[in-house]
Amino acid sequence: MPQSLRLTRCRMPAKLYCERSVPVGFPTGRFSRAITPLSSPLITSAPISHPHVPPSSCSLFSTTSHHLKKGASKARKSISASNTEHIPDNKAQTNRDREIDPYDFSDLEAKIKHQADWLRDSLQKLRTGGRLSAETIEGLQVEIKHGLQDKKVEKLRLGDLATVVPRGGRLMGVMVNEEAHIKPITTSIQSSPYSLTPQPDPQNPLQLNVPIPPPTAESRAQSLADAKREFEKAGLGIREARGQWQKWYQKAKKEAGYQG
């Protein structure tokens, strides 16, 4: 009886050990009874391995802390914000930017460049040696009446009602879009300060031929006066931009307590 009881006690631990440590496919018959039970300190100290589990089924966990991820996100936002170009949209914002960076002359340089570009465009539109360009004629103002009873007059650019095309030499061709606009366009060209006389084309009723008069001493003098006037306007704009910058500079020196 004691021997039978001893065998019974040995079976259960041996069976438990086989189920937990023997790999799949290993014979679990009588050989399993010879294995030392779980109560043995030598066997229980050995690590339990699972060679039948594929590596792909194991899930890995990130060891990065939550606070570090937030810091990385903020760093990415700060880098993207620093790469964005800042453009002041009003006077107050411009003054704040100058307080931060007193050596930032981008606002003054932009105003000077604007005046230089405007002067270049204005000189291109003026007459050169008594010759008119198509852009000059297209810039003339034309008065349009919408009805006989309607007294309201609308002013439009000649370029919105017709197309001016150089015909070679001293001749310009004005291609009118609608027949009702021929008369107001003719009146606008005749009343211009360029001494022009438009003539209807015999082959195309929607075309006006505008001969360009030869240059004279008066026309050259007028061109010189116009160029001088445009140059003075551009210079005035640059002086105003520099004056605003000088006012800010003197104010900044006074607030900083700089004497000199």
Protein backbone atom coordinates (compact mmCIF):
# COMPACT_ATOMS: atom_id res chain seq x y z
CA MET A 1 0.00 0.00 0.00
CA PRO A 2 2.73 2.48 0.73
CA GLN A 3 4.44 1.61 -2.58
CA SER A 4 1.21 2.14 -4.54
CA LEU A 5 0.71 5.45 -2.84
CA ARG A 6 4.26 6.48 -3.68
CA LEU A 7 3.74 5.69 -7.36
CA THR A 8 0.58 7.71 -7.44
CA ARG A 9 2.31 10.77 -6.00
CA CYS A 10 5.09 10.50 -8.56
CA ARG A 11 2.77 10.35 -11.56
CA MET A 12 1.00 13.64 -11.14
CA PRO A 13 4.04 15.88 -10.91
CA ALA A 14 5.70 14.03 -13.77
CA LYS A 15 2.61 14.53 -15.96
CA LEU A 16 2.47 18.20 -15.07
CA TYR A 17 6.13 18.67 -15.94
CA CYS A 18 5.69 16.97 -19.31
CA GLU A 19 2.77 19.17 -20.27
CA ARG A 20 4.62 22.37 -19.42
CA SER A 21 8.17 21.64 -20.58
CA VAL A 22 8.17 18.88 -23.23
CA PRO A 23 8.08 20.23 -26.84
CA VAL A 24 5.38 19.29 -29.30
CA GLY A 25 5.97 15.89 -30.86
CA PHE A 26 8.05 14.56 -28.00
CA PRO A 27 6.84 11.07 -26.85
CA THR A 28 5.02 11.32 -23.56
CA GLY A 29 4.59 7.65 -22.72
CA ARG A 30 6.61 5.75 -20.23
CA PHE A 31 9.64 7.97 -20.80
CA SER A 32 7.82 10.79 -19.16
CA ARG A 33 7.67 9.01 -15.90
CA ALA A 34 11.43 8.93 -15.68
CA ILE A 35 11.65 12.73 -15.74
CA THR A 36 12.21 14.40 -12.41
CA PRO A 37 9.08 15.98 -10.92
CA LEU A 38 8.54 19.74 -10.58
CA SER A 39 9.47 19.62 -6.94
CA SER A 40 13.14 19.09 -7.83
CA PRO A 41 15.10 22.36 -7.35
CA LEU A 42 17.49 21.52 -10.23
CA ILE A 43 14.72 21.20 -12.81
CA THR A 44 12.64 24.19 -11.67
CA SER A 45 15.65 26.51 -11.88
CA ALA A 46 16.17 25.81 -15.60
CA PRO A 47 14.52 28.29 -18.02
CA ILE A 48 11.53 27.07 -19.98
CA SER A 49 11.99 27.45 -23.75
CA HIS A 50 9.41 27.23 -26.54
CA PRO A 51 11.22 26.40 -29.78
CA HIS A 52 7.96 25.71 -31.59
CA VAL A 53 6.75 29.36 -31.34
CA PRO A 54 7.75 31.36 -34.46
CA PRO A 55 9.45 34.77 -33.90
CA SER A 56 6.80 36.56 -35.98
CA SER A 57 4.09 35.74 -33.43
CA CYS A 58 5.91 37.65 -30.69
CA SER A 59 4.82 41.27 -30.30
CA LEU A 60 7.45 43.85 -29.36
CA PHE A 61 6.65 46.76 -27.06
CA SER A 62 8.10 50.24 -27.39
CA THR A 63 10.30 51.40 -24.52
CA THR A 64 10.05 55.13 -25.39
CA SER A 65 8.41 57.12 -22.65
CA HIS A 66 5.25 59.12 -23.32
CA HIS A 67 6.88 62.43 -22.39
CA LEU A 68 9.72 61.91 -24.87
CA LYS A 69 7.25 61.41 -27.73
CA LYS A 70 5.55 64.69 -26.88
CA GLY A 71 8.88 66.46 -26.89
CA ALA A 72 9.75 65.05 -30.31
CA SER A 73 6.41 66.23 -31.69
CA LYS A 74 6.98 69.72 -30.34
CA ALA A 75 10.47 69.75 -31.83
CA ARG A 76 9.08 68.86 -35.26
CA LYS A 77 6.51 71.63 -34.98
CA SER A 78 9.17 74.16 -34.01
CA ILE A 79 11.36 73.17 -36.97
CA SER A 80 8.47 73.50 -39.43
CA ALA A 81 7.50 76.85 -37.93
CA SER A 82 11.06 78.16 -38.23
CA ASN A 83 11.17 77.22 -41.92
CA THR A 84 8.04 79.27 -42.66
CA GLU A 85 8.84 82.73 -43.98
CA HIS A 86 7.38 85.51 -41.81
CA ILE A 87 5.88 88.48 -43.66
CA PRO A 88 4.46 91.39 -41.60
CA ASP A 89 0.94 92.31 -42.68
CA ASN A 90 0.51 95.64 -40.88
CA LYS A 91 2.46 98.53 -39.36
CA ALA A 92 2.21 97.28 -35.77
CA GLN A 93 3.61 93.87 -36.73
CA THR A 94 6.43 95.56 -38.64
CA ASN A 95 7.38 97.60 -35.57
CA ARG A 96 7.39 94.49 -33.39
CA ASP A 97 9.65 92.72 -35.88
CA ARG A 98 12.08 95.64 -35.82
CA GLU A 99 12.21 95.54 -32.04
CA ILE A 100 13.22 91.90 -32.26
CA ASP A 101 15.77 92.40 -35.07
CA PRO A 102 16.99 96.00 -35.48
CA TYR A 103 19.22 94.99 -38.40
CA ASP A 104 16.32 93.76 -40.53
CA PHE A 105 16.11 96.11 -43.54
CA SER A 106 13.78 93.92 -45.61
CA ASP A 107 10.85 96.35 -45.31
CA LEU A 108 12.92 99.31 -46.52
CA GLU A 109 14.47 97.27 -49.34
CA ALA A 110 11.03 96.09 -50.50
CA LYS A 111 9.71 99.67 -50.70
CA ILE A 112 12.75 100.86 -52.65
CA LYS A 113 12.45 97.94 -55.07
CA HIS A 114 8.75 98.71 -55.58
CA GLN A 115 9.54 102.31 -56.57
CA ALA A 116 12.33 101.21 -58.92
CA ASP A 117 10.05 98.70 -60.68
CA TRP A 118 7.29 101.31 -61.00
CA LEU A 119 9.71 103.81 -62.57
CA ARG A 120 10.97 101.21 -65.04
CA ASP A 121 7.44 100.37 -66.17
CA SER A 122 6.49 104.04 -66.46
CA LEU A 123 9.48 104.84 -68.66
CA GLN A 124 8.69 101.91 -70.94
CA LYS A 125 5.20 103.29 -71.52
CA LEU A 126 6.45 106.74 -72.51
CA ARG A 127 7.26 107.72 -76.03
CA THR A 128 10.80 107.09 -77.27
CA GLY A 129 11.78 109.46 -80.07
CA GLY A 130 8.18 110.35 -80.87
CA ARG A 131 7.04 106.71 -81.31
CA LEU A 132 4.01 105.35 -79.48
CA SER A 133 3.67 101.80 -78.21
CA ALA A 134 0.60 99.60 -78.34
CA GLU A 135 0.41 99.63 -74.53
CA THR A 136 0.15 103.44 -74.54
CA ILE A 137 -2.84 103.43 -76.88
CA GLU A 138 -4.52 100.59 -74.98
CA GLY A 139 -4.22 102.64 -71.80
CA LEU A 140 -6.45 105.45 -73.11
CA GLN A 141 -9.80 106.01 -71.37
CA VAL A 142 -12.98 105.48 -73.43
CA GLU A 143 -16.40 106.83 -72.39
CA ILE A 144 -19.24 104.37 -73.05
CA LYS A 145 -22.96 105.22 -72.92
CA HIS A 146 -25.23 102.21 -72.44
CA GLY A 147 -28.42 103.78 -73.86
CA LEU A 148 -29.90 106.90 -75.43
CA GLN A 149 -32.03 107.71 -72.39
CA ASP A 150 -29.38 106.68 -69.91
CA LYS A 151 -27.14 109.59 -68.94
CA LYS A 152 -24.74 107.40 -66.98
CA VAL A 153 -21.29 107.23 -68.59
CA GLU A 154 -18.85 104.41 -67.91
CA LYS A 155 -15.11 104.84 -68.42
CA LEU A 156 -13.17 101.80 -69.64
CA ARG A 157 -9.69 101.15 -70.93
CA LEU A 158 -9.33 101.00 -74.68
CA GLY A 159 -7.56 97.67 -74.22
CA ASP A 160 -10.76 96.21 -72.72
CA LEU A 161 -12.76 97.11 -75.87
CA ALA A 162 -10.20 96.56 -78.62
CA THR A 163 -6.78 95.13 -79.43
CA VAL A 164 -3.92 97.31 -80.67
CA VAL A 165 -1.53 95.60 -83.10
CA PRO A 166 1.57 97.18 -84.72
CA ARG A 167 1.29 97.10 -88.53
CA GLY A 168 4.87 97.98 -89.27
CA GLY A 169 6.57 101.34 -89.70
CA ARG A 170 4.52 104.13 -88.18
CA LEU A 171 1.13 102.47 -88.32
CA MET A 172 -1.00 100.91 -85.59
CA GLY A 173 -4.10 98.78 -86.11
CA VAL A 174 -6.96 98.90 -83.61
CA MET A 175 -9.20 95.81 -83.80
CA VAL A 176 -12.54 96.76 -82.18
CA ASN A 177 -14.60 93.99 -80.59
CA GLU A 178 -18.07 95.52 -81.23
CA GLU A 179 -19.28 97.93 -83.88
CA ALA A 180 -21.02 100.12 -81.27
CA HIS A 181 -17.64 100.94 -79.72
CA ILE A 182 -16.01 102.28 -82.90
CA LYS A 183 -17.22 105.86 -82.43
CA PRO A 184 -16.26 106.28 -78.72
CA ILE A 185 -12.86 104.68 -79.40
CA THR A 186 -12.24 107.06 -82.31
CA THR A 187 -13.15 110.02 -80.10
CA SER A 188 -10.82 108.83 -77.35
CA ILE A 189 -7.88 108.47 -79.75
CA GLN A 190 -8.47 111.88 -81.32
CA SER A 191 -8.69 113.63 -77.95
CA SER A 192 -5.42 112.08 -76.68
CA PRO A 193 -2.34 114.33 -76.26
CA TYR A 194 -0.45 112.38 -78.95
CA SER A 195 -1.93 114.13 -82.04
CA LEU A 196 -3.41 110.94 -83.52
CA THR A 197 -5.98 110.70 -86.33
CA PRO A 198 -7.58 107.23 -86.58
CA GLN A 199 -8.90 106.19 -89.98
CA PRO A 200 -11.38 103.36 -90.78
CA ASP A 201 -9.98 100.45 -92.72
CA PRO A 202 -11.63 100.04 -96.16
CA GLN A 203 -11.57 96.23 -95.99
CA ASN A 204 -12.51 95.63 -92.34
CA PRO A 205 -15.27 97.76 -90.72
CA LEU A 206 -14.09 96.77 -87.21
CA GLN A 207 -10.53 98.00 -87.74
CA LEU A 208 -9.07 101.47 -87.27
CA ASN A 209 -5.69 102.44 -88.73
CA VAL A 210 -3.78 104.92 -86.59
CA PRO A 211 -0.75 106.58 -88.25
CA ILE A 212 1.98 107.59 -85.81
CA PRO A 213 3.26 111.13 -86.51
CA PRO A 214 7.04 111.62 -86.93
CA PRO A 215 8.95 112.92 -83.93
CA THR A 216 9.32 116.64 -83.55
CA ALA A 217 11.22 118.90 -81.22
CA GLU A 218 8.07 119.46 -79.20
CA SER A 219 7.37 115.72 -78.87
CA ARG A 220 10.93 115.03 -77.71
CA ALA A 221 10.69 117.82 -75.15
CA GLN A 222 7.40 116.43 -73.94
CA SER A 223 8.88 112.96 -73.60
CA LEU A 224 11.77 114.37 -71.57
CA ALA A 225 9.38 116.27 -69.30
CA ASP A 226 7.26 113.16 -68.75
CA ALA A 227 10.32 111.06 -67.89
CA LYS A 228 11.51 113.71 -65.42
CA ARG A 229 8.07 113.80 -63.76
CA GLU A 230 8.00 110.02 -63.33
CA PHE A 231 11.54 110.06 -61.94
CA GLU A 232 10.57 112.65 -59.33
CA LYS A 233 7.59 110.56 -58.25
CA ALA A 234 9.79 107.51 -57.73
CA GLY A 235 12.36 109.57 -55.82
CA LEU A 236 9.64 110.96 -53.56
CA GLY A 237 8.46 107.45 -52.72
CA ILE A 238 12.01 106.39 -51.81
CA ARG A 239 12.53 109.46 -49.62
CA GLU A 240 9.29 108.74 -47.76
CA ALA A 241 10.39 105.14 -47.09
CA ARG A 242 13.78 106.30 -45.81
CA GLY A 243 12.13 108.99 -43.65
CA GLN A 244 9.92 106.42 -41.95
CA TRP A 245 12.95 104.25 -41.25
CA GLN A 246 14.93 107.19 -39.84
CA LYS A 247 12.07 108.07 -37.47
CA TRP A 248 12.00 104.55 -36.14
CA TYR A 249 15.80 104.51 -35.79
CA GLN A 250 15.88 107.72 -33.76
CA LYS A 251 13.05 106.46 -31.56
CA ALA A 252 14.85 103.16 -30.93
CA LYS A 253 18.06 104.97 -29.94
CA LYS A 254 16.16 107.22 -27.54
CA GLU A 255 14.39 104.30 -25.84
CA ALA A 256 17.68 102.42 -25.52
CA GLY A 257 19.35 105.46 -23.92
CA TYR A 258 22.03 105.67 -26.60
CA GLN A 259 23.74 109.07 -26.81
CA GLY A 260 25.50 109.82 -30.08
